[in-house]
N, C-alpha and C. Protein backbone atom coordinates (compact mmCIF):
# COMPACT_ATOMS: atom_id res chain seq x y z
N MET A 1 -17.40 -11.02 14.67
CA MET A 1 -16.80 -11.25 13.37
C MET A 1 -15.62 -10.30 13.18
N ASP A 2 -14.48 -10.85 12.83
CA ASP A 2 -13.29 -10.03 12.59
C ASP A 2 -13.41 -9.34 11.25
N LYS A 3 -12.98 -8.10 11.22
CA LYS A 3 -13.00 -7.31 10.01
C LYS A 3 -11.83 -7.75 9.11
N LYS A 4 -12.10 -8.04 7.85
CA LYS A 4 -11.08 -8.53 6.92
C LYS A 4 -10.66 -7.47 5.90
N THR A 5 -11.34 -6.33 5.90
CA THR A 5 -11.02 -5.26 4.95
C THR A 5 -10.92 -3.93 5.68
N PHE A 6 -10.24 -2.99 5.01
CA PHE A 6 -10.11 -1.64 5.53
C PHE A 6 -10.72 -0.65 4.55
N SER A 7 -11.27 0.42 5.07
CA SER A 7 -11.70 1.54 4.23
C SER A 7 -10.46 2.34 3.83
N ALA A 8 -10.65 3.32 2.97
CA ALA A 8 -9.52 4.18 2.58
C ALA A 8 -8.94 4.89 3.80
N GLY A 9 -9.79 5.39 4.67
CA GLY A 9 -9.32 6.07 5.87
C GLY A 9 -8.57 5.15 6.80
N GLU A 10 -9.09 3.95 7.00
CA GLU A 10 -8.41 2.97 7.85
C GLU A 10 -7.08 2.54 7.24
N THR A 11 -7.05 2.43 5.92
CA THR A 11 -5.81 2.06 5.23
C THR A 11 -4.76 3.14 5.42
N SER A 12 -5.18 4.40 5.29
CA SER A 12 -4.21 5.50 5.46
C SER A 12 -3.62 5.49 6.86
N LEU A 13 -4.43 5.23 7.86
CA LEU A 13 -3.93 5.15 9.24
C LEU A 13 -3.00 3.97 9.42
N ARG A 14 -3.35 2.85 8.80
CA ARG A 14 -2.54 1.63 8.96
C ARG A 14 -1.16 1.78 8.34
N ILE A 15 -1.07 2.47 7.19
CA ILE A 15 0.24 2.58 6.55
C ILE A 15 0.92 3.92 6.82
N GLY A 16 0.22 4.81 7.50
CA GLY A 16 0.86 6.04 7.97
C GLY A 16 1.02 7.13 6.93
N ILE A 17 0.09 7.22 5.98
CA ILE A 17 0.11 8.31 5.01
C ILE A 17 -1.24 9.01 5.03
N SER A 18 -1.32 10.15 4.38
CA SER A 18 -2.56 10.92 4.40
C SER A 18 -3.67 10.19 3.64
N LYS A 19 -4.90 10.51 4.00
CA LYS A 19 -6.03 9.90 3.31
C LYS A 19 -6.06 10.31 1.85
N SER A 20 -5.70 11.56 1.55
CA SER A 20 -5.72 12.00 0.16
C SER A 20 -4.69 11.25 -0.68
N LYS A 21 -3.49 11.00 -0.12
CA LYS A 21 -2.48 10.22 -0.82
C LYS A 21 -2.95 8.78 -0.99
N THR A 22 -3.60 8.22 0.03
CA THR A 22 -4.13 6.87 -0.06
C THR A 22 -5.17 6.78 -1.17
N LEU A 23 -6.08 7.74 -1.22
CA LEU A 23 -7.11 7.74 -2.27
C LEU A 23 -6.48 7.86 -3.66
N GLU A 24 -5.44 8.67 -3.78
CA GLU A 24 -4.73 8.80 -5.05
C GLU A 24 -4.12 7.45 -5.46
N MET A 25 -3.47 6.80 -4.52
CA MET A 25 -2.83 5.51 -4.81
C MET A 25 -3.87 4.43 -5.12
N LEU A 26 -5.00 4.47 -4.43
CA LEU A 26 -6.08 3.52 -4.71
C LEU A 26 -6.62 3.72 -6.12
N SER A 27 -6.86 4.97 -6.47
CA SER A 27 -7.43 5.24 -7.80
C SER A 27 -6.48 4.90 -8.93
N LYS A 28 -5.17 4.94 -8.67
CA LYS A 28 -4.16 4.58 -9.67
C LYS A 28 -3.88 3.08 -9.69
N GLY A 29 -4.46 2.34 -8.76
CA GLY A 29 -4.23 0.90 -8.69
C GLY A 29 -2.93 0.53 -8.03
N GLU A 30 -2.33 1.44 -7.30
CA GLU A 30 -1.05 1.17 -6.65
C GLU A 30 -1.22 0.35 -5.37
N ILE A 31 -2.35 0.48 -4.72
CA ILE A 31 -2.66 -0.30 -3.52
C ILE A 31 -3.74 -1.29 -3.92
N PRO A 32 -3.57 -2.58 -3.58
CA PRO A 32 -4.58 -3.57 -3.96
C PRO A 32 -5.90 -3.33 -3.24
N ALA A 33 -6.97 -3.19 -4.03
CA ALA A 33 -8.27 -2.89 -3.45
C ALA A 33 -9.37 -3.16 -4.47
N ILE A 34 -10.59 -3.18 -3.97
CA ILE A 34 -11.76 -3.23 -4.84
C ILE A 34 -12.64 -2.04 -4.51
N ARG A 35 -13.39 -1.63 -5.49
CA ARG A 35 -14.29 -0.49 -5.27
C ARG A 35 -15.72 -0.98 -5.37
N ILE A 36 -16.49 -0.63 -4.37
CA ILE A 36 -17.91 -0.93 -4.35
C ILE A 36 -18.64 0.39 -4.19
N GLY A 37 -19.28 0.83 -5.26
CA GLY A 37 -19.90 2.15 -5.26
C GLY A 37 -18.83 3.21 -5.11
N ARG A 38 -18.97 4.04 -4.11
CA ARG A 38 -17.98 5.09 -3.85
C ARG A 38 -16.94 4.67 -2.82
N ASN A 39 -17.08 3.46 -2.31
CA ASN A 39 -16.21 3.00 -1.22
C ASN A 39 -15.12 2.07 -1.71
N TRP A 40 -13.94 2.23 -1.13
CA TRP A 40 -12.82 1.35 -1.38
C TRP A 40 -12.77 0.32 -0.27
N LEU A 41 -12.49 -0.93 -0.64
CA LEU A 41 -12.26 -2.00 0.33
C LEU A 41 -10.88 -2.57 0.07
N VAL A 42 -10.05 -2.50 1.08
CA VAL A 42 -8.68 -3.00 0.97
C VAL A 42 -8.58 -4.25 1.83
N PRO A 43 -8.41 -5.42 1.20
CA PRO A 43 -8.29 -6.65 2.00
C PRO A 43 -7.03 -6.60 2.87
N GLU A 44 -7.19 -6.95 4.14
CA GLU A 44 -6.08 -6.90 5.09
C GLU A 44 -4.90 -7.72 4.59
N LYS A 45 -5.15 -8.94 4.15
CA LYS A 45 -4.07 -9.82 3.71
C LYS A 45 -3.35 -9.25 2.49
N ALA A 46 -4.11 -8.72 1.53
CA ALA A 46 -3.51 -8.14 0.33
C ALA A 46 -2.66 -6.92 0.68
N LEU A 47 -3.12 -6.10 1.62
CA LEU A 47 -2.37 -4.92 2.04
C LEU A 47 -1.05 -5.34 2.70
N ASP A 48 -1.12 -6.32 3.59
CA ASP A 48 0.08 -6.80 4.26
C ASP A 48 1.09 -7.37 3.26
N GLU A 49 0.60 -8.15 2.30
CA GLU A 49 1.47 -8.73 1.27
C GLU A 49 2.07 -7.64 0.39
N TRP A 50 1.27 -6.63 0.05
CA TRP A 50 1.74 -5.52 -0.78
C TRP A 50 2.85 -4.75 -0.06
N LEU A 51 2.66 -4.50 1.24
CA LEU A 51 3.67 -3.78 2.01
C LEU A 51 4.99 -4.54 2.04
N VAL A 52 4.93 -5.84 2.30
CA VAL A 52 6.15 -6.65 2.34
C VAL A 52 6.81 -6.67 0.97
N SER A 53 6.03 -6.88 -0.07
CA SER A 53 6.57 -6.92 -1.43
C SER A 53 7.23 -5.60 -1.81
N ARG A 54 6.55 -4.52 -1.51
CA ARG A 54 7.09 -3.20 -1.85
C ARG A 54 8.36 -2.89 -1.05
N ALA A 55 8.35 -3.24 0.23
CA ALA A 55 9.53 -3.00 1.06
C ALA A 55 10.73 -3.79 0.54
N CYS A 56 10.50 -5.05 0.17
CA CYS A 56 11.59 -5.88 -0.36
C CYS A 56 12.12 -5.34 -1.68
N ALA A 57 11.22 -4.92 -2.56
CA ALA A 57 11.63 -4.38 -3.86
C ALA A 57 12.44 -3.09 -3.70
N GLU A 58 11.98 -2.22 -2.82
CA GLU A 58 12.69 -0.96 -2.62
C GLU A 58 14.04 -1.18 -1.93
N ALA A 59 14.11 -2.14 -1.01
CA ALA A 59 15.39 -2.45 -0.36
C ALA A 59 16.37 -3.00 -1.38
N ALA A 60 15.90 -3.86 -2.28
CA ALA A 60 16.76 -4.41 -3.33
C ALA A 60 17.28 -3.30 -4.24
N GLU A 61 16.43 -2.34 -4.55
CA GLU A 61 16.84 -1.22 -5.39
C GLU A 61 17.90 -0.37 -4.69
N ARG A 62 17.74 -0.15 -3.37
CA ARG A 62 18.73 0.61 -2.62
C ARG A 62 20.07 -0.12 -2.58
N ARG A 63 20.02 -1.45 -2.41
CA ARG A 63 21.26 -2.24 -2.41
C ARG A 63 21.96 -2.12 -3.78
N LYS A 64 21.18 -2.21 -4.82
CA LYS A 64 21.72 -2.10 -6.19
C LYS A 64 22.37 -0.74 -6.38
N ASP A 65 21.69 0.32 -5.94
CA ASP A 65 22.25 1.67 -6.06
C ASP A 65 23.53 1.80 -5.25
N ALA A 66 23.56 1.22 -4.04
CA ALA A 66 24.74 1.30 -3.19
C ALA A 66 25.93 0.58 -3.81
N GLU A 67 25.66 -0.54 -4.47
CA GLU A 67 26.73 -1.29 -5.14
C GLU A 67 27.34 -0.50 -6.28
N HIS A 68 26.53 0.36 -6.89
CA HIS A 68 27.00 1.15 -8.02
C HIS A 68 27.40 2.56 -7.61
N GLY A 69 27.52 2.77 -6.30
CA GLY A 69 27.98 4.05 -5.79
C GLY A 69 26.98 5.18 -5.86
N ARG A 70 25.70 4.83 -5.98
CA ARG A 70 24.64 5.84 -6.01
C ARG A 70 23.92 5.80 -4.68
N ALA A 71 24.10 6.81 -3.89
CA ALA A 71 23.46 6.81 -2.57
C ALA A 71 22.27 7.70 -2.49
């Protein structure tokens, strides 16, 4: 059976940030996840979609800043 969710630790490794930062973002609702007891479950598909969405939004913001001479 293929694993469809990641733990907080697996999520931190997948996106390349510390586990403590990942836990902070999870608790603030910044990363899409559900909590079961003390454990976080991050759906693989939701994480991938969140990463693409966030990357596109931040790239658009950088383009906007560049157009207005803010680097």
